[in-house]
Amino acid sequence: MSDLNETPAVPEPPSGGDERAGLYLAGATLMALGWGLAVVLNLILHAVAPAGGLPLGPIVVYATWGAYAQAAALIGLLTGAVGAGIFWVASSAPEGPLVLPGYNY
């Protein structure tokens, strides 16, 4: 028989590991989606679109650089910048599991 007061309700988390890998993955994903998809692909599609438009399924891309294309590019620039910031945090973080400053582990 075991004393329930002596056993933890939640098992201890595994020690070790390097959580910077998740930050690298998140930063790279945001940079690829923001700069790669929303900016570069947006520019390429508008550059190759004919005057009558380039149908891509339910979406038609025209050669003009309209408000939607500008907004998508701006959001893509900001998303890529956030991704670059996350990537920078991951590269400047110490090796090993992430710890909160001042928290007594």
C-alpha atoms as a PDB file:
ATOM      1  CA  MET A   1       0.000   0.000   0.000  1.00  0.00           C
ATOM      2  CA  SER A   2       1.301   3.487  -0.807  1.00  0.00           C
ATOM      3  CA  ASP A   3       0.693   6.797   0.838  1.00  0.00           C
ATOM      4  CA  LEU A   4      -1.048   9.103  -1.632  1.00  0.00           C
ATOM      5  CA  ASN A   5       0.332  12.195   0.076  1.00  0.00           C
ATOM      6  CA  GLU A   6       3.868  11.173  -0.814  1.00  0.00           C
ATOM      7  CA  THR A   7       3.286  10.605  -4.540  1.00  0.00           C
ATOM      8  CA  PRO A   8       3.141  13.586  -6.894  1.00  0.00           C
ATOM      9  CA  ALA A   9      -0.086  14.137  -8.811  1.00  0.00           C
ATOM     10  CA  VAL A  10       1.841  14.907 -11.992  1.00  0.00           C
ATOM     11  CA  PRO A  11       4.997  13.027 -12.934  1.00  0.00           C
ATOM     12  CA  GLU A  12       8.217  15.012 -13.024  1.00  0.00           C
ATOM     13  CA  PRO A  13       9.099  16.428 -16.447  1.00  0.00           C
ATOM     14  CA  PRO A  14      12.069  14.815 -18.137  1.00  0.00           C
ATOM     15  CA  SER A  15      15.305  16.657 -17.540  1.00  0.00           C
ATOM     16  CA  GLY A  16      17.595  17.805 -20.315  1.00  0.00           C
ATOM     17  CA  GLY A  17      16.661  18.565 -23.866  1.00  0.00           C
ATOM     18  CA  ASP A  18      17.175  21.712 -25.839  1.00  0.00           C
ATOM     19  CA  GLU A  19      14.039  23.749 -26.403  1.00  0.00           C
ATOM     20  CA  ARG A  20      15.817  26.124 -28.770  1.00  0.00           C
ATOM     21  CA  ALA A  21      14.976  23.693 -31.568  1.00  0.00           C
ATOM     22  CA  GLY A  22      11.320  24.700 -31.318  1.00  0.00           C
ATOM     23  CA  LEU A  23      12.243  28.374 -31.454  1.00  0.00           C
ATOM     24  CA  TYR A  24      14.422  27.779 -34.516  1.00  0.00           C
ATOM     25  CA  LEU A  25      11.575  25.905 -36.205  1.00  0.00           C
ATOM     26  CA  ALA A  26       9.011  28.588 -35.339  1.00  0.00           C
ATOM     27  CA  GLY A  27      11.271  31.411 -36.531  1.00  0.00           C
ATOM     28  CA  ALA A  28      12.145  29.643 -39.776  1.00  0.00           C
ATOM     29  CA  THR A  29       8.476  28.857 -40.441  1.00  0.00           C
ATOM     30  CA  LEU A  30       7.415  32.460 -39.912  1.00  0.00           C
ATOM     31  CA  MET A  31      10.227  33.743 -42.121  1.00  0.00           C
ATOM     32  CA  ALA A  32       9.378  31.248 -44.881  1.00  0.00           C
ATOM     33  CA  LEU A  33       5.669  32.047 -44.768  1.00  0.00           C
ATOM     34  CA  GLY A  34       6.109  35.788 -44.372  1.00  0.00           C
ATOM     35  CA  TRP A  35       8.987  36.640 -46.663  1.00  0.00           C
ATOM     36  CA  GLY A  36       8.796  33.633 -48.964  1.00  0.00           C
ATOM     37  CA  LEU A  37       5.075  33.235 -49.504  1.00  0.00           C
ATOM     38  CA  ALA A  38       3.501  36.614 -48.793  1.00  0.00           C
ATOM     39  CA  VAL A  39       6.245  38.769 -50.297  1.00  0.00           C
ATOM     40  CA  VAL A  40       8.281  36.861 -52.898  1.00  0.00           C
ATOM     41  CA  LEU A  41       5.494  34.683 -54.280  1.00  0.00           C
ATOM     42  CA  ASN A  42       3.170  37.689 -54.268  1.00  0.00           C
ATOM     43  CA  LEU A  43       5.663  39.734 -56.293  1.00  0.00           C
ATOM     44  CA  ILE A  44       6.332  36.877 -58.736  1.00  0.00           C
ATOM     45  CA  LEU A  45       2.636  36.200 -59.348  1.00  0.00           C
ATOM     46  CA  HIS A  46       1.897  39.865 -60.034  1.00  0.00           C
ATOM     47  CA  ALA A  47       4.933  40.131 -62.299  1.00  0.00           C
ATOM     48  CA  VAL A  48       3.962  37.161 -64.497  1.00  0.00           C
ATOM     49  CA  ALA A  49       0.209  37.839 -64.540  1.00  0.00           C
ATOM     50  CA  PRO A  50      -1.151  38.929 -67.928  1.00  0.00           C
ATOM     51  CA  ALA A  51      -3.369  41.982 -68.302  1.00  0.00           C
ATOM     52  CA  GLY A  52      -6.513  39.811 -68.222  1.00  0.00           C
ATOM     53  CA  GLY A  53      -5.517  38.156 -64.968  1.00  0.00           C
ATOM     54  CA  LEU A  54      -3.987  34.839 -63.927  1.00  0.00           C
ATOM     55  CA  PRO A  55      -6.647  32.441 -62.580  1.00  0.00           C
ATOM     56  CA  LEU A  56      -5.454  30.345 -59.639  1.00  0.00           C
ATOM     57  CA  GLY A  57      -8.518  28.341 -58.673  1.00  0.00           C
ATOM     58  CA  PRO A  58     -11.058  30.728 -57.132  1.00  0.00           C
ATOM     59  CA  ILE A  59      -8.510  33.572 -57.042  1.00  0.00           C
ATOM     60  CA  VAL A  60      -7.564  35.733 -60.016  1.00  0.00           C
ATOM     61  CA  VAL A  61      -4.223  37.564 -59.789  1.00  0.00           C
ATOM     62  CA  TYR A  62      -3.951  40.703 -61.907  1.00  0.00           C
ATOM     63  CA  ALA A  63      -0.819  42.524 -63.022  1.00  0.00           C
ATOM     64  CA  THR A  64      -1.724  45.624 -60.996  1.00  0.00           C
ATOM     65  CA  TRP A  65      -0.337  46.022 -57.500  1.00  0.00           C
ATOM     66  CA  GLY A  66      -3.608  46.649 -55.646  1.00  0.00           C
ATOM     67  CA  ALA A  67      -4.499  47.228 -52.021  1.00  0.00           C
ATOM     68  CA  TYR A  68      -4.837  43.503 -51.243  1.00  0.00           C
ATOM     69  CA  ALA A  69      -1.393  42.727 -52.685  1.00  0.00           C
ATOM     70  CA  GLN A  70       0.152  45.617 -50.745  1.00  0.00           C
ATOM     71  CA  ALA A  71      -1.528  44.495 -47.507  1.00  0.00           C
ATOM     72  CA  ALA A  72      -0.378  40.894 -48.031  1.00  0.00           C
ATOM     73  CA  ALA A  73       3.184  42.078 -48.638  1.00  0.00           C
ATOM     74  CA  LEU A  74       3.131  44.299 -45.538  1.00  0.00           C
ATOM     75  CA  ILE A  75       1.783  41.492 -43.357  1.00  0.00           C
ATOM     76  CA  GLY A  76       4.410  39.195 -44.872  1.00  0.00           C
ATOM     77  CA  LEU A  77       7.190  41.657 -44.065  1.00  0.00           C
ATOM     78  CA  LEU A  78       6.008  41.936 -40.472  1.00  0.00           C
ATOM     79  CA  THR A  79       5.582  38.166 -40.103  1.00  0.00           C
ATOM     80  CA  GLY A  80       9.082  37.573 -41.437  1.00  0.00           C
ATOM     81  CA  ALA A  81      10.468  40.183 -39.048  1.00  0.00           C
ATOM     82  CA  VAL A  82       8.793  38.451 -36.093  1.00  0.00           C
ATOM     83  CA  GLY A  83      10.253  35.161 -37.308  1.00  0.00           C
ATOM     84  CA  ALA A  84      13.707  36.721 -37.526  1.00  0.00           C
ATOM     85  CA  GLY A  85      13.271  38.013 -33.956  1.00  0.00           C
ATOM     86  CA  ILE A  86      12.342  34.540 -32.706  1.00  0.00           C
ATOM     87  CA  PHE A  87      15.321  33.106 -34.580  1.00  0.00           C
ATOM     88  CA  TRP A  88      17.590  35.698 -32.928  1.00  0.00           C
ATOM     89  CA  VAL A  89      16.198  34.836 -29.464  1.00  0.00           C
ATOM     90  CA  ALA A  90      16.889  31.158 -30.145  1.00  0.00           C
ATOM     91  CA  SER A  91      20.465  31.867 -31.205  1.00  0.00           C
ATOM     92  CA  SER A  92      21.182  34.033 -28.164  1.00  0.00           C
ATOM     93  CA  ALA A  93      19.554  31.668 -25.629  1.00  0.00           C
ATOM     94  CA  PRO A  94      21.854  29.411 -23.615  1.00  0.00           C
ATOM     95  CA  GLU A  95      22.067  25.740 -24.466  1.00  0.00           C
ATOM     96  CA  GLY A  96      19.723  23.397 -22.608  1.00  0.00           C
ATOM     97  CA  PRO A  97      16.132  23.682 -21.456  1.00  0.00           C
ATOM     98  CA  LEU A  98      14.598  27.137 -21.269  1.00  0.00           C
ATOM     99  CA  VAL A  99      14.380  28.522 -17.752  1.00  0.00           C
ATOM    100  CA  LEU A 100      12.673  31.631 -16.482  1.00  0.00           C
ATOM    101  CA  PRO A 101      15.080  34.152 -14.949  1.00  0.00           C
ATOM    102  CA  GLY A 102      14.809  34.335 -11.191  1.00  0.00           C
ATOM    103  CA  TYR A 103      12.815  31.107 -10.848  1.00  0.00           C
ATOM    104  CA  ASN A 104      14.304  28.660  -8.372  1.00  0.00           C
ATOM    105  CA  TYR A 105      14.552  25.312 -10.141  1.00  0.00           C
END
